[in-house]
Amino acid sequence: MSDRYLANPKFQLCFSKFIHNIPEPELVSFPDLYENSHLPASRNIDVGDEADKVCRVVALSNSFSELTSSLDNMRDMVLSPSLVTEVLKRLSNAGMPALAFFCWAENQKGFYYTTDIYHNLIEALGKIKQFELIWDLVDDMIKRGVLKKETFNTIIRWYARAKMIKEAIKTFEKMESHFGFKPVLSDFNVFLDTIAKSNHVKEAHELFVGMSKRQRFNPDLKSYTILLEGWGKEKNLMMLKQVYNEMRSNGLEPDVVTYGILMNAFLKCRMCDAAINVFKQMERSNCRPNAHIYCTLINGLGSQGRLDEALKYFEISKNEGFMPDIPTYNAAIGALCRLSRFDDAFLVMEEMRQSGLGLNSRTYDIILNHLVKVKRVDDAYQLFRRMSEEGCEPQTNTYAVIVSMFCCCKRVDMALEVWKEMTEKGVLPSMHIFCSLIRGLCFADRVEEACTLFEKMLNKGIWPPEKLFGNLKEALIASGRRDLAIEAMAKLERLRKILTYG
């Protein structure tokens, strides 16, 4: 099988193009994922460390031959399905290098084929729309006896995300007609949910109607709930009501999930009173609210300035015996921050600590975002510094907030300091961080540094927004560096071809 992939010209072309788009591996350990792993129990805890080593080798390799040679030299590595799976997970943003590693791994001692290995490889290839190679993998899975229904769910999801809805539908049909897997209602619901969640709720509804008319499946509460959620996200209350009425006329009673979706839909449409009425209706029907219901209400009411009501439901949830979870606490903190009641927000943070829950990066991000909005720059930076001290490492989103904040207030040197700290910790910069810094450098008339950063962005395989390139080009030309503007344009065109044909 390896020879077939290696001979594929698309593989040869894409390997070198995508090899530099691999995130630095996070230094965390993962438990062994397979009961039948060949690794001794004492080595299972090392899977994360071993995966780190492999990913570094892949990141430094510029060709398949260089990669295989470097991997061959890792003589102390004991290969197992759990290690292969972990490496493929970490290469999920680098499809062709992931395939290259797989081709090497399958010829090594200790390797054997599992469904999870193939699924992780399909995930990586799906992100770069390599569907021809994915179907080659499906053929291979048949030969190995590891093809499952779930394989098709993964393929359908990537077709849907690529807006290839016809291909997604064909794949669902082929699951039975070509591969002998007869779908049941739960499979149809997964399929329907995938289409709806990819912002194609209209197509999902058409599929629902077609399947019902042909009596291929009798829709259950889950089927209707999927459509309710989809139309709710679209803020289409007319279709929401139509689906809900049809569900009730078919004898299906809403459960706590259904009520939560209805409440969320009304809150998205800024209809707080309607959402509260749904909550009361749920109570009258003896359907007990759960923590998620309260979180939905607190978040929705708080986002529209109805703080007293949001906090009332926060207290009700505690009185009802629900120990607030992190999302519920975060919703309450967000509600307080929207009205700049930061001291009260910090008191809720302290309550979280006392409850033993601890704080996650999202908790800090909520407060940081609101501090930045009211231009309390120094307070935001102090809170950012406290994160690590309190054992909560900033994530990419956190760094994006702080970098953008310093760039907006023309303190680009501070933004660069935060950038340096982030990269030294191995946190992969996002497109938003690149954009903030490049714009900040342009406005500070530091165009050569901006151009260098733009090149780094392209080397990561990150496509810049059109407006960003326009800003950079104008700044370069205004500074008399037309040559750099032309060079940047050429590099951008090369990346476009990679993303189009890779």
Protein backbone atom coordinates (compact mmCIF):
# COMPACT_ATOMS: atom_id res chain seq x y z
CA MET A 1 0.00 0.00 0.00
CA SER A 2 2.81 2.43 0.79
CA ASP A 3 4.16 2.26 -2.75
CA ARG A 4 0.80 3.25 -4.16
CA TYR A 5 0.68 6.40 -2.02
CA LEU A 6 4.31 7.30 -2.56
CA ALA A 7 3.86 7.02 -6.32
CA ASN A 8 0.87 9.35 -6.21
CA PRO A 9 2.08 12.65 -7.74
CA LYS A 10 -0.26 14.58 -5.48
CA PHE A 11 1.47 13.04 -2.47
CA GLN A 12 4.92 14.00 -3.80
CA LEU A 13 3.76 17.55 -4.53
CA CYS A 14 1.92 18.13 -1.28
CA PHE A 15 4.47 16.67 1.11
CA SER A 16 7.01 19.42 0.61
CA LYS A 17 4.32 22.10 0.61
CA PHE A 18 2.62 21.11 3.82
CA ILE A 19 5.65 19.96 5.78
CA HIS A 20 6.22 23.46 7.20
CA ASN A 21 2.61 23.86 8.38
CA ILE A 22 2.94 21.60 11.43
CA PRO A 23 2.25 23.04 14.87
CA GLU A 24 4.83 22.58 17.57
CA PRO A 25 3.79 19.59 19.66
CA GLU A 26 2.36 20.30 23.08
CA LEU A 27 4.41 18.77 25.85
CA VAL A 28 1.68 16.68 27.44
CA SER A 29 1.36 12.98 28.16
CA PHE A 30 -1.60 10.98 26.99
CA PRO A 31 -2.80 7.63 28.33
CA ASP A 32 -2.54 4.60 26.09
CA LEU A 33 -5.59 4.39 23.85
CA TYR A 34 -5.53 0.68 23.13
CA GLU A 35 -5.91 -2.30 25.41
CA ASN A 36 -3.99 -4.46 22.96
CA SER A 37 -0.97 -2.19 22.62
CA HIS A 38 2.37 -3.97 22.30
CA LEU A 39 3.92 -1.43 24.68
CA PRO A 40 4.64 -2.72 28.17
CA ALA A 41 2.38 -1.10 30.77
CA SER A 42 5.32 0.80 32.24
CA ARG A 43 5.89 2.61 28.91
CA ASN A 44 2.30 3.65 28.27
CA ILE A 45 2.81 6.95 30.09
CA ASP A 46 5.56 7.83 27.61
CA VAL A 47 3.31 7.90 24.53
CA GLY A 48 3.01 11.70 24.69
CA ASP A 49 6.77 12.18 24.99
CA GLU A 50 7.44 9.75 22.14
CA ALA A 51 4.89 11.57 19.99
CA ASP A 52 6.67 14.87 20.73
CA LYS A 53 9.93 13.42 19.40
CA VAL A 54 8.31 12.07 16.24
CA CYS A 55 6.52 15.35 15.51
CA ARG A 56 9.76 17.32 15.86
CA VAL A 57 11.40 14.99 13.33
CA VAL A 58 8.49 15.43 10.91
CA ALA A 59 8.57 19.22 11.34
CA LEU A 60 12.28 19.38 10.46
CA SER A 61 12.05 17.12 7.40
CA ASN A 62 11.85 18.56 3.90
CA SER A 63 11.25 15.37 1.92
CA PHE A 64 9.87 11.90 2.41
CA SER A 65 13.31 10.31 2.16
CA GLU A 66 14.70 12.69 4.78
CA LEU A 67 11.75 11.92 7.04
CA THR A 68 12.11 8.15 6.76
CA SER A 69 15.86 8.36 7.35
CA SER A 70 15.37 10.47 10.47
CA LEU A 71 12.64 8.19 11.79
CA ASP A 72 14.79 5.12 11.13
CA ASN A 73 17.47 6.67 13.34
CA MET A 74 15.10 6.83 16.32
CA ARG A 75 16.29 3.42 17.44
CA ASP A 76 14.99 3.66 21.00
CA MET A 77 11.42 4.25 19.86
CA VAL A 78 8.97 1.38 20.42
CA LEU A 79 6.18 1.72 17.89
CA SER A 80 2.60 0.85 18.85
CA PRO A 81 -0.88 1.68 17.56
CA SER A 82 -1.33 4.11 20.46
CA LEU A 83 1.81 6.01 19.46
CA VAL A 84 0.86 6.08 15.77
CA THR A 85 -2.61 7.34 16.70
CA GLU A 86 -1.20 10.09 18.93
CA VAL A 87 1.24 11.28 16.25
CA LEU A 88 -1.50 11.38 13.63
CA LYS A 89 -3.69 13.41 15.99
CA ARG A 90 -0.91 15.96 16.38
CA LEU A 91 -0.40 16.09 12.62
CA SER A 92 -4.10 16.73 12.03
CA ASN A 93 -3.26 20.12 10.45
CA ALA A 94 -0.64 18.61 8.14
CA GLY A 95 -2.33 16.01 5.97
CA MET A 96 0.50 14.98 3.68
CA PRO A 97 3.16 14.69 6.39
CA ALA A 98 0.62 12.63 8.35
CA LEU A 99 0.27 10.29 5.37
CA ALA A 100 4.05 10.15 5.01
CA PHE A 101 4.43 9.12 8.65
CA PHE A 102 1.71 6.49 8.24
CA CYS A 103 3.46 5.03 5.19
CA TRP A 104 6.68 4.75 7.17
CA ALA A 105 5.01 3.39 10.31
CA GLU A 106 3.15 0.54 8.63
CA ASN A 107 6.46 -1.08 7.69
CA GLN A 108 7.82 -1.01 11.24
CA LYS A 109 7.89 -3.68 13.92
CA GLY A 110 5.09 -3.29 16.45
CA PHE A 111 2.66 -1.68 14.00
CA TYR A 112 -0.74 -3.13 13.24
CA TYR A 113 -3.76 -1.60 11.56
CA THR A 114 -6.63 -0.23 13.65
CA THR A 115 -9.74 1.72 12.79
CA ASP A 116 -8.62 4.65 14.95
CA ILE A 117 -5.35 4.98 13.05
CA TYR A 118 -7.19 5.24 9.76
CA HIS A 119 -9.77 7.63 11.21
CA ASN A 120 -7.09 10.04 12.43
CA LEU A 121 -5.39 9.94 9.04
CA ILE A 122 -8.71 10.58 7.30
CA GLU A 123 -9.24 13.57 9.63
CA ALA A 124 -5.89 15.04 8.56
CA LEU A 125 -6.52 14.48 4.85
CA GLY A 126 -10.10 15.75 5.10
CA LYS A 127 -8.86 19.13 6.31
CA ILE A 128 -6.97 19.60 3.05
CA LYS A 129 -9.78 18.10 0.94
CA GLN A 130 -7.79 15.10 -0.28
CA PHE A 131 -10.88 12.97 -0.89
CA GLU A 132 -9.30 10.83 -3.60
CA LEU A 133 -6.66 9.68 -1.13
CA ILE A 134 -9.33 9.17 1.53
CA TRP A 135 -11.23 6.74 -0.70
CA ASP A 136 -7.95 4.89 -1.31
CA LEU A 137 -7.72 4.52 2.46
CA VAL A 138 -11.28 3.16 2.57
CA ASP A 139 -10.30 0.46 0.06
CA ASP A 140 -7.34 -0.35 2.25
CA MET A 141 -9.52 -0.56 5.35
CA ILE A 142 -11.72 -3.12 3.61
CA LYS A 143 -8.69 -5.30 2.90
CA ARG A 144 -7.56 -5.00 6.53
CA GLY A 145 -11.01 -5.72 7.93
CA VAL A 146 -11.18 -2.48 9.95
CA LEU A 147 -13.80 -0.49 7.99
CA LYS A 148 -16.73 0.64 10.16
CA LYS A 149 -19.85 2.75 9.84
CA GLU A 150 -18.14 5.51 11.78
CA THR A 151 -15.60 5.86 8.97
CA PHE A 152 -18.33 7.24 6.72
CA ASN A 153 -19.45 9.73 9.37
CA THR A 154 -15.96 11.24 9.30
CA ILE A 155 -15.87 11.43 5.49
CA ILE A 156 -19.36 12.95 5.38
CA ARG A 157 -18.34 15.59 7.93
CA TRP A 158 -15.40 16.75 5.82
CA TYR A 159 -17.47 16.80 2.63
CA ALA A 160 -20.04 18.95 4.48
CA ARG A 161 -17.38 21.34 5.80
CA ALA A 162 -16.03 21.66 2.27
CA LYS A 163 -19.58 22.62 1.18
CA MET A 164 -19.72 19.47 -0.99
CA ILE A 165 -23.21 18.48 0.16
CA LYS A 166 -24.01 16.30 -2.87
CA GLU A 167 -20.89 14.23 -2.22
CA ALA A 168 -21.82 13.97 1.47
CA ILE A 169 -25.26 12.62 0.55
CA LYS A 170 -23.75 10.16 -1.97
CA THR A 171 -21.38 8.91 0.72
CA PHE A 172 -24.29 8.20 3.07
CA GLU A 173 -26.05 6.26 0.31
CA LYS A 174 -22.88 4.38 -0.68
CA MET A 175 -22.44 3.22 2.90
CA GLU A 176 -25.13 0.60 2.20
CA SER A 177 -25.16 0.26 -1.60
CA HIS A 178 -21.39 -0.16 -2.04
CA PHE A 179 -20.13 -1.26 1.36
CA GLY A 180 -23.00 -3.21 2.89
CA PHE A 181 -23.51 -1.12 6.04
CA LYS A 182 -27.26 -0.74 6.48
CA PRO A 183 -27.95 2.56 8.25
CA VAL A 184 -30.41 2.72 11.12
CA LEU A 185 -32.17 5.77 12.55
CA SER A 186 -29.23 6.71 14.80
CA ASP A 187 -26.95 6.73 11.73
CA PHE A 188 -29.40 8.97 9.89
CA ASN A 189 -29.51 11.34 12.87
CA VAL A 190 -25.70 11.60 12.89
CA PHE A 191 -25.81 12.30 9.14
CA LEU A 192 -28.56 14.91 9.57
CA ASP A 193 -26.69 16.58 12.44
CA THR A 194 -23.49 16.77 10.37
CA ILE A 195 -25.26 18.51 7.49
CA ALA A 196 -27.15 20.91 9.78
CA LYS A 197 -24.06 21.84 11.82
CA SER A 198 -22.13 22.70 8.64
CA ASN A 199 -24.52 25.64 8.11
CA HIS A 200 -26.73 23.72 5.69
CA VAL A 201 -29.88 23.35 7.77
CA LYS A 202 -32.10 23.89 4.71
CA GLU A 203 -30.52 20.89 2.97
CA ALA A 204 -30.76 18.90 6.21
CA HIS A 205 -34.48 19.68 6.41
CA GLU A 206 -34.98 18.59 2.80
CA LEU A 207 -33.24 15.29 3.57
CA PHE A 208 -35.44 14.88 6.64
CA VAL A 209 -38.61 15.42 4.59
CA GLY A 210 -37.43 13.07 1.83
CA MET A 211 -36.53 10.27 4.23
CA SER A 212 -39.86 10.66 6.05
CA LYS A 213 -41.89 10.57 2.82
CA ARG A 214 -40.15 7.41 1.68
CA GLN A 215 -40.71 5.99 5.17
CA ARG A 216 -37.09 4.95 5.20
CA PHE A 217 -36.76 6.18 8.77
CA ASN A 218 -39.37 7.22 11.31
CA PRO A 219 -37.97 10.40 12.87
CA ASP A 220 -37.59 10.45 16.64
CA LEU A 221 -37.13 13.30 19.11
CA LYS A 222 -33.43 13.50 18.28
CA SER A 223 -34.23 14.01 14.58
CA TYR A 224 -36.50 16.96 15.32
CA THR A 225 -34.09 18.38 17.89
CA ILE A 226 -31.35 18.53 15.25
CA LEU A 227 -33.58 20.62 12.97
CA LEU A 228 -34.70 22.85 15.84
CA GLU A 229 -31.08 23.59 16.72
CA GLY A 230 -30.21 24.30 13.09
CA TRP A 231 -33.09 26.70 12.49
CA GLY A 232 -32.45 28.30 15.89
CA LYS A 233 -28.86 29.10 14.92
CA GLU A 234 -30.20 30.64 11.70
CA LYS A 235 -32.59 32.75 13.84
CA ASN A 236 -35.44 31.48 11.66
CA LEU A 237 -38.24 31.38 14.21
CA MET A 238 -40.90 30.61 11.61
CA MET A 239 -39.21 27.34 10.64
CA LEU A 240 -38.43 26.66 14.31
CA LYS A 241 -42.15 26.89 15.13
CA GLN A 242 -43.08 24.73 12.13
CA VAL A 243 -40.70 21.94 13.15
CA TYR A 244 -41.77 22.15 16.80
CA ASN A 245 -45.47 21.93 15.94
CA GLU A 246 -44.85 18.97 13.63
CA MET A 247 -42.89 17.24 16.38
CA ARG A 248 -45.74 17.69 18.86
CA SER A 249 -48.38 16.59 16.35
CA ASN A 250 -46.41 13.36 15.91
CA GLY A 251 -46.75 12.68 19.62
CA LEU A 252 -43.21 13.59 20.64
CA GLU A 253 -42.82 15.56 23.87
CA PRO A 254 -39.89 17.96 24.32
CA ASP A 255 -37.15 16.94 26.73
CA VAL A 256 -34.61 19.11 28.57
CA VAL A 257 -32.37 19.28 25.48
CA THR A 258 -35.27 20.46 23.31
CA TYR A 259 -36.25 23.15 25.80
CA GLY A 260 -32.65 24.33 26.00
CA ILE A 261 -32.47 24.67 22.21
CA LEU A 262 -35.74 26.66 22.13
CA MET A 263 -34.50 28.98 24.88
CA ASN A 264 -31.19 29.52 23.11
CA ALA A 265 -32.98 30.34 19.85
CA PHE A 266 -35.13 33.02 21.52
CA LEU A 267 -32.14 34.48 23.35
CA LYS A 268 -30.20 34.71 20.06
CA CYS A 269 -33.13 36.70 18.67
CA ARG A 270 -33.02 38.99 21.75
CA MET A 271 -36.40 37.67 22.93
CA CYS A 272 -35.55 37.18 26.59
CA ASP A 273 -39.14 37.08 27.83
CA ALA A 274 -39.97 34.30 25.36
CA ALA A 275 -36.95 32.33 26.60
CA ILE A 276 -38.07 32.75 30.23
CA ASN A 277 -41.56 31.58 29.25
CA VAL A 278 -40.03 28.42 27.78
CA PHE A 279 -38.22 27.88 31.08
CA LYS A 280 -41.50 28.23 32.99
CA GLN A 281 -43.26 25.91 30.54
CA MET A 282 -40.53 23.34 31.11
CA GLU A 283 -41.08 23.53 34.87
CA ARG A 284 -44.86 23.17 34.46
CA SER A 285 -44.34 20.03 32.37
CA ASN A 286 -42.28 18.48 35.20
CA CYS A 287 -39.11 18.53 33.09
CA ARG A 288 -36.37 19.39 35.56
CA PRO A 289 -33.82 21.95 34.33
CA ASN A 290 -30.18 20.90 34.29
CA ALA A 291 -27.00 22.96 34.72
CA HIS A 292 -26.83 23.66 30.97
CA ILE A 293 -30.31 25.23 31.01
CA TYR A 294 -29.29 27.66 33.75
CA CYS A 295 -26.03 28.42 31.94
CA THR A 296 -27.99 29.24 28.76
CA LEU A 297 -30.27 31.64 30.64
CA ILE A 298 -27.46 33.34 32.57
CA ASN A 299 -25.42 33.83 29.42
CA GLY A 300 -28.32 35.03 27.27
CA LEU A 301 -29.80 37.42 29.84
CA GLY A 302 -26.39 38.77 30.82
CA SER A 303 -25.43 39.45 27.20
CA GLN A 304 -28.48 41.70 26.86
CA GLY A 305 -27.88 43.72 30.01
CA ARG A 306 -30.48 41.97 32.16
CA LEU A 307 -27.96 41.33 34.90
CA ASP A 308 -30.31 41.07 37.87
CA GLU A 309 -32.30 38.32 36.18
CA ALA A 310 -29.13 36.53 35.09
CA LEU A 311 -27.81 36.53 38.66
CA LYS A 312 -31.23 35.46 39.95
CA TYR A 313 -31.05 32.28 37.85
CA PHE A 314 -27.47 31.77 38.98
CA GLU A 315 -28.67 31.72 42.60
CA ILE A 316 -31.71 29.58 41.74
CA SER A 317 -29.44 26.97 40.15
CA LYS A 318 -27.45 26.74 43.38
CA ASN A 319 -30.60 26.56 45.52
CA GLU A 320 -31.89 23.75 43.31
CA GLY A 321 -28.87 21.70 44.28
CA PHE A 322 -26.80 22.24 41.16
CA MET A 323 -23.18 22.89 42.02
CA PRO A 324 -22.31 25.41 39.31
CA ASP A 325 -19.83 24.05 36.79
CA ILE A 326 -17.16 26.10 35.04
CA PRO A 327 -19.40 27.17 32.09
CA THR A 328 -22.08 28.38 34.53
CA TYR A 329 -19.57 30.37 36.57
CA ASN A 330 -18.11 31.79 33.37
CA ALA A 331 -21.58 32.86 32.25
CA ALA A 332 -22.11 34.71 35.55
CA ILE A 333 -18.67 36.35 35.28
CA GLY A 334 -19.44 37.44 31.73
CA ALA A 335 -22.76 38.96 32.81
CA LEU A 336 -21.01 41.02 35.50
CA CYS A 337 -18.20 42.13 33.19
CA ARG A 338 -20.64 43.40 30.56
CA LEU A 339 -21.73 46.03 33.07
CA SER A 340 -18.10 46.66 34.14
CA ARG A 341 -18.70 45.16 37.59
CA PHE A 342 -15.21 43.72 37.67
CA ASP A 343 -14.89 43.62 41.47
CA ASP A 344 -17.97 41.39 41.63
CA ALA A 345 -16.57 39.27 38.79
CA PHE A 346 -13.39 38.73 40.80
CA LEU A 347 -15.52 37.67 43.79
CA VAL A 348 -17.17 35.00 41.63
CA MET A 349 -13.70 33.89 40.53
CA GLU A 350 -12.77 33.50 44.20
CA GLU A 351 -15.93 31.47 44.77
CA MET A 352 -14.82 29.19 41.93
CA ARG A 353 -11.48 28.67 43.64
CA GLN A 354 -13.14 27.95 46.99
CA SER A 355 -15.47 25.41 45.37
CA GLY A 356 -12.44 23.46 44.14
CA LEU A 357 -13.29 23.92 40.47
CA GLY A 358 -10.38 26.14 39.64
CA LEU A 359 -10.27 28.55 36.71
CA ASN A 360 -9.75 27.75 33.06
CA SER A 361 -8.31 29.98 30.34
CA ARG A 362 -11.84 30.85 29.20
CA THR A 363 -12.55 32.40 32.62
CA TYR A 364 -9.58 34.75 32.24
CA ASP A 365 -10.35 35.43 28.58
CA ILE A 366 -13.84 36.68 29.44
CA ILE A 367 -12.53 39.24 31.95
CA LEU A 368 -9.58 40.21 29.77
CA ASN A 369 -11.83 40.92 26.78
CA HIS A 370 -14.04 43.22 28.84
CA LEU A 371 -11.09 45.00 30.48
CA VAL A 372 -9.68 45.66 27.01
CA LYS A 373 -13.05 46.98 25.80
CA VAL A 374 -13.06 49.63 28.54
CA LYS A 375 -9.37 50.40 27.87
CA ARG A 376 -8.06 49.20 31.25
CA VAL A 377 -4.82 48.10 29.62
CA ASP A 378 -2.62 47.85 32.72
CA ASP A 379 -5.27 45.91 34.65
CA ALA A 380 -5.64 43.50 31.73
CA TYR A 381 -1.90 42.94 31.54
CA GLN A 382 -1.64 42.33 35.29
CA LEU A 383 -4.43 39.74 35.09
CA PHE A 384 -2.69 38.12 32.12
CA ARG A 385 0.48 37.81 34.22
CA ARG A 386 -1.47 36.27 37.09
CA MET A 387 -2.71 33.44 34.90
CA SER A 388 0.54 31.49 34.83
CA GLU A 389 1.21 32.23 38.50
CA GLU A 390 -2.13 30.62 39.35
CA GLY A 391 -1.41 27.55 37.25
CA CYS A 392 -3.52 28.43 34.21
CA GLU A 393 -1.34 28.78 31.12
CA PRO A 394 -2.58 31.28 28.50
CA GLN A 395 -3.88 29.74 25.28
CA THR A 396 -3.74 31.11 21.73
CA ASN A 397 -6.95 33.13 22.22
CA THR A 398 -5.54 34.76 25.36
CA TYR A 399 -2.35 35.81 23.59
CA ALA A 400 -4.44 37.17 20.71
CA VAL A 401 -6.34 39.47 23.09
CA ILE A 402 -3.16 40.84 24.72
CA VAL A 403 -1.20 41.27 21.48
CA SER A 404 -4.12 43.06 19.84
CA MET A 405 -4.57 45.27 22.93
CA PHE A 406 -0.97 46.50 22.88
CA CYS A 407 -1.01 47.04 19.11
CA CYS A 408 -4.21 49.08 19.32
CA CYS A 409 -2.72 51.40 21.96
CA LYS A 410 0.51 51.74 19.92
CA ARG A 411 2.68 49.78 22.35
CA VAL A 412 3.99 47.42 19.71
CA ASP A 413 7.18 46.63 21.66
CA MET A 414 5.05 45.16 24.44
CA ALA A 415 3.10 43.19 21.83
CA LEU A 416 6.37 41.79 20.48
CA GLU A 417 7.44 40.83 24.01
CA VAL A 418 4.23 38.84 24.44
CA TRP A 419 4.78 37.29 20.99
CA LYS A 420 8.28 36.20 22.00
CA GLU A 421 7.04 34.65 25.23
CA MET A 422 4.28 32.83 23.35
CA THR A 423 6.59 31.33 20.73
CA GLU A 424 9.16 30.30 23.36
CA LYS A 425 6.41 28.35 25.12
CA GLY A 426 5.58 26.57 21.87
CA VAL A 427 2.13 28.15 21.44
CA LEU A 428 1.29 28.30 17.73
CA PRO A 429 0.30 31.85 16.67
CA SER A 430 -3.10 32.21 15.05
CA MET A 431 -3.99 34.27 12.00
CA HIS A 432 -5.45 36.96 14.28
CA ILE A 433 -2.18 37.33 16.19
CA PHE A 434 -0.20 37.65 12.96
CA CYS A 435 -2.67 40.23 11.64
CA SER A 436 -2.58 42.35 14.81
CA LEU A 437 1.22 42.43 14.91
CA ILE A 438 1.69 43.11 11.20
CA ARG A 439 -0.79 46.00 11.31
CA GLY A 440 0.82 47.32 14.50
CA LEU A 441 4.27 47.26 12.91
CA CYS A 442 2.97 48.96 9.76
CA PHE A 443 1.37 51.79 11.76
CA ALA A 444 4.63 52.16 13.71
CA ASP A 445 6.47 52.53 10.37
CA ARG A 446 8.47 49.35 11.02
CA VAL A 447 7.67 47.91 7.62
CA GLU A 448 10.64 45.57 7.25
CA GLU A 449 9.74 43.82 10.51
CA ALA A 450 6.13 43.65 9.31
CA CYS A 451 7.29 42.09 6.04
CA THR A 452 9.40 39.49 7.89
CA LEU A 453 6.40 38.55 10.02
CA PHE A 454 4.19 38.36 6.92
CA GLU A 455 6.66 35.90 5.40
CA LYS A 456 6.53 33.78 8.58
CA MET A 457 2.77 33.78 8.30
CA LEU A 458 2.92 32.49 4.73
CA ASN A 459 5.51 29.86 5.67
CA LYS A 460 3.02 28.55 8.24
CA GLY A 461 0.53 28.08 5.42
CA ILE A 462 -1.81 30.73 6.87
CA TRP A 463 -3.75 32.65 4.23
CA PRO A 464 -3.86 36.38 5.16
CA PRO A 465 -7.03 38.47 4.84
CA GLU A 466 -7.05 40.61 1.71
CA LYS A 467 -7.24 43.82 3.75
CA LEU A 468 -4.08 42.90 5.68
CA PHE A 469 -2.04 42.45 2.52
CA GLY A 470 -3.41 45.76 1.22
CA ASN A 471 -2.27 47.52 4.40
CA LEU A 472 1.19 45.97 4.18
CA LYS A 473 1.58 46.78 0.49
CA GLU A 474 0.59 50.43 1.03
CA ALA A 475 3.01 50.75 3.96
CA LEU A 476 5.88 49.23 1.95
CA ILE A 477 5.28 51.47 -1.07
CA ALA A 478 4.94 54.56 1.15
CA SER A 479 8.32 53.69 2.70
CA GLY A 480 9.94 53.32 -0.71
CA ARG A 481 10.18 49.52 -0.49
CA ARG A 482 8.28 48.59 -3.65
CA ASP A 483 10.71 45.68 -4.10
CA LEU A 484 9.51 44.08 -0.85
CA ALA A 485 5.89 44.65 -1.88
CA ILE A 486 6.47 42.79 -5.17
CA GLU A 487 8.29 39.98 -3.35
CA ALA A 488 5.45 39.62 -0.82
CA MET A 489 2.92 39.50 -3.66
CA ALA A 490 4.86 36.69 -5.35
CA LYS A 491 4.99 34.66 -2.13
CA LEU A 492 1.28 35.16 -1.61
CA GLU A 493 0.58 33.86 -5.11
CA ARG A 494 2.71 30.76 -4.45
CA LEU A 495 0.71 30.03 -1.30
CA ARG A 496 -2.54 30.46 -3.20
CA LYS A 497 -1.44 27.79 -5.69
CA ILE A 498 -0.46 25.44 -2.85
CA LEU A 499 -3.86 25.80 -1.18
CA THR A 500 -5.67 25.47 -4.51
CA TYR A 501 -3.81 22.51 -5.99
CA GLY A 502 -2.38 20.86 -2.85
